[in-house]
Amino acid sequence: MLGLTRYSAKGVPGETVQNALFIANQGMDGDFHAIGGKRQLGLLSTEERQWMDAQSEDDTLGLCFGRYKENVLFDANPLSGLVPGSRLAVGEAVLEISDITKHCFAQCPLFSKGRDCILAGRNFFAKVVQSGFVRIGDCAKPEPELEPKTKKEKP
């Protein structure tokens, strides 16, 4: 894991932190999204962040560039192939992918031109299912054994 950012309020620049407490059923301690619900944390890979950062002001950017802010920045590998319900062990915490992609805004110039946003299907939202400290440099790995258990039907 390469980055942790806490946002104390909407519209306020984020604070890069070296470690954070992730609280089950809430989110990152001190982050304004830490109110529970489905989208407690925003996750993004370095590939998408680098692409976003490389865009010039002359390019037609979508609204997401100003609105989407990740809490956790990962190497692309741990996020590859995750779907809602997948679990990811990060440091001492366990996250569950709750949603993939930010929904497009009708007022977005890309949406109105029928163009796809690079974030479509590439950014993730998660909820914290096991509390714990997460630190820059912690490994993140999908945990198949942590996948939600489905009830077996009786024969």
Protein backbone atom coordinates (compact mmCIF):
# COMPACT_ATOMS: atom_id res chain seq x y z
CA MET A 1 0.00 0.00 0.00
CA LEU A 2 1.38 3.34 -1.01
CA GLY A 3 -0.82 6.03 0.48
CA LEU A 4 -3.32 6.91 3.18
CA THR A 5 -5.30 10.14 3.04
CA ARG A 6 -7.82 11.42 5.59
CA TYR A 7 -10.39 14.06 4.68
CA SER A 8 -11.67 15.96 7.71
CA ALA A 9 -14.50 17.69 5.82
CA LYS A 10 -16.00 17.82 2.34
CA GLY A 11 -14.11 20.17 0.05
CA VAL A 12 -11.09 20.34 2.37
CA PRO A 13 -7.75 19.05 1.05
CA GLY A 14 -6.81 15.66 2.43
CA GLU A 15 -4.11 15.02 4.98
CA THR A 16 -1.56 12.35 4.10
CA VAL A 17 -1.00 10.14 7.12
CA GLN A 18 1.52 7.39 7.85
CA ASN A 19 -1.00 5.23 9.72
CA ALA A 20 -4.68 5.23 10.55
CA LEU A 21 -7.15 3.29 12.62
CA PHE A 22 -9.85 1.68 10.49
CA ILE A 23 -12.99 1.17 12.58
CA ALA A 24 -15.43 -1.65 11.79
CA ASN A 25 -18.75 -0.45 10.39
CA GLN A 26 -17.50 3.17 10.28
CA GLY A 27 -14.36 3.74 8.21
CA MET A 28 -11.07 5.60 8.74
CA ASP A 29 -10.90 7.31 12.12
CA GLY A 30 -11.15 11.09 11.63
CA ASP A 31 -12.36 10.90 8.02
CA PHE A 32 -15.66 12.62 7.24
CA HIS A 33 -16.85 9.48 5.41
CA ALA A 34 -16.50 7.46 8.64
CA ILE A 35 -20.22 7.42 9.29
CA GLY A 36 -20.90 3.82 8.36
CA GLY A 37 -22.83 2.81 5.29
CA LYS A 38 -21.67 1.21 2.09
CA ARG A 39 -18.93 3.64 1.02
CA GLN A 40 -16.73 4.09 4.09
CA LEU A 41 -13.44 4.16 2.14
CA GLY A 42 -12.41 5.08 -1.38
CA LEU A 43 -9.74 2.83 -2.92
CA LEU A 44 -7.73 3.56 -6.04
CA SER A 45 -4.73 2.04 -7.77
CA THR A 46 -1.59 3.95 -8.63
CA GLU A 47 -2.28 3.41 -12.34
CA GLU A 48 -5.51 5.39 -12.23
CA ARG A 49 -4.10 8.08 -9.90
CA GLN A 50 -1.07 8.58 -12.16
CA TRP A 51 -3.32 8.88 -15.21
CA MET A 52 -5.50 11.43 -13.44
CA ASP A 53 -2.48 13.45 -12.28
CA ALA A 54 -0.94 13.46 -15.79
CA GLN A 55 -3.93 15.12 -17.46
CA SER A 56 -3.41 18.68 -18.57
CA GLU A 57 -5.91 21.45 -17.99
CA ASP A 58 -6.57 21.48 -21.74
CA ASP A 59 -8.08 18.00 -21.65
CA THR A 60 -11.76 17.56 -21.09
CA LEU A 61 -11.82 16.04 -17.65
CA GLY A 62 -14.82 14.52 -16.00
CA LEU A 63 -16.36 15.79 -12.80
CA CYS A 64 -14.86 12.84 -10.93
CA PHE A 65 -11.43 14.44 -11.14
CA GLY A 66 -12.62 17.09 -8.72
CA ARG A 67 -14.94 14.92 -6.69
CA TYR A 68 -13.32 11.51 -6.27
CA LYS A 69 -10.72 11.36 -3.53
CA GLU A 70 -9.26 8.05 -2.43
CA ASN A 71 -8.44 7.21 1.16
CA VAL A 72 -6.19 4.29 0.24
CA LEU A 73 -3.84 4.20 -2.73
CA PHE A 74 -2.71 0.72 -3.79
CA ASP A 75 -0.45 -0.85 -6.32
CA ALA A 76 -2.78 -2.12 -9.06
CA ASN A 77 -2.21 -5.79 -8.22
CA PRO A 78 -4.26 -6.18 -5.00
CA LEU A 79 -7.35 -4.59 -6.57
CA SER A 80 -7.34 -6.64 -9.76
CA GLY A 81 -10.34 -8.92 -10.06
CA LEU A 82 -12.11 -7.80 -6.89
CA VAL A 83 -15.90 -7.71 -6.91
CA PRO A 84 -18.44 -6.57 -4.33
CA GLY A 85 -18.26 -8.95 -1.38
CA SER A 86 -14.53 -9.64 -1.88
CA ARG A 87 -12.45 -9.13 1.23
CA LEU A 88 -9.04 -7.56 1.42
CA ALA A 89 -6.67 -7.84 4.38
CA VAL A 90 -4.76 -4.57 4.81
CA GLY A 91 -2.44 -4.25 7.79
CA GLU A 92 -4.49 -5.28 10.84
CA ALA A 93 -7.84 -4.42 9.20
CA VAL A 94 -10.11 -6.34 6.88
CA LEU A 95 -12.07 -4.48 4.22
CA GLU A 96 -14.98 -5.68 2.15
CA ILE A 97 -15.46 -4.30 -1.34
CA SER A 98 -18.92 -2.77 -1.27
CA ASP A 99 -19.07 -1.07 -4.67
CA ILE A 100 -17.03 -0.67 -7.81
CA THR A 101 -16.94 2.61 -9.70
CA LYS A 102 -18.24 6.05 -9.05
CA HIS A 103 -21.52 6.67 -10.79
CA CYS A 104 -21.41 9.22 -13.57
CA PHE A 105 -23.00 12.62 -13.08
CA ALA A 106 -25.46 13.73 -15.76
CA GLN A 107 -23.81 17.18 -15.79
CA CYS A 108 -20.36 15.69 -16.50
CA PRO A 109 -18.98 16.76 -19.91
CA LEU A 110 -17.73 13.24 -20.60
CA PHE A 111 -21.10 11.69 -19.77
CA SER A 112 -22.99 14.17 -21.95
CA LYS A 113 -20.67 13.34 -24.89
CA GLY A 114 -21.12 9.62 -24.37
CA ARG A 115 -17.45 9.15 -23.40
CA ASP A 116 -16.40 6.69 -20.76
CA CYS A 117 -14.59 7.90 -17.68
CA ILE A 118 -11.39 6.03 -16.90
CA LEU A 119 -12.67 5.57 -13.36
CA ALA A 120 -15.67 3.55 -14.56
CA GLY A 121 -15.06 0.10 -13.14
CA ARG A 122 -11.61 0.98 -11.77
CA ASN A 123 -12.20 2.73 -8.49
CA PHE A 124 -13.50 0.86 -5.50
CA PHE A 125 -15.42 1.55 -2.33
CA ALA A 126 -15.10 -0.55 0.78
CA LYS A 127 -16.44 -0.93 4.25
CA VAL A 128 -14.38 -1.95 7.26
CA VAL A 129 -15.41 -5.36 8.59
CA GLN A 130 -12.54 -5.83 11.07
CA SER A 131 -10.99 -2.92 12.93
CA GLY A 132 -7.24 -2.42 12.98
CA PHE A 133 -4.33 -0.14 12.28
CA VAL A 134 -3.17 0.32 8.70
CA ARG A 135 0.25 1.77 7.91
CA ILE A 136 1.99 2.96 4.77
CA GLY A 137 3.88 -0.03 3.40
CA ASP A 138 1.48 -2.64 4.80
CA CYS A 139 0.74 -5.51 2.47
CA ALA A 140 -2.73 -5.79 1.03
CA LYS A 141 -4.01 -9.08 -0.22
CA PRO A 142 -7.33 -10.53 -1.24
CA GLU A 143 -8.47 -13.09 1.27
CA PRO A 144 -10.44 -15.91 -0.35
CA GLU A 145 -10.96 -17.55 3.03
CA LEU A 146 -12.60 -14.31 4.20
CA GLU A 147 -15.17 -14.32 1.40
CA PRO A 148 -18.76 -14.12 2.66
CA LYS A 149 -20.10 -17.58 3.33
CA THR A 150 -23.21 -18.61 1.44
CA LYS A 151 -25.73 -20.93 3.01
CA LYS A 152 -25.66 -24.43 1.62
CA GLU A 153 -29.03 -25.73 0.59
CA LYS A 154 -30.25 -28.91 2.19
CA PRO A 155 -30.53 -31.91 -0.18
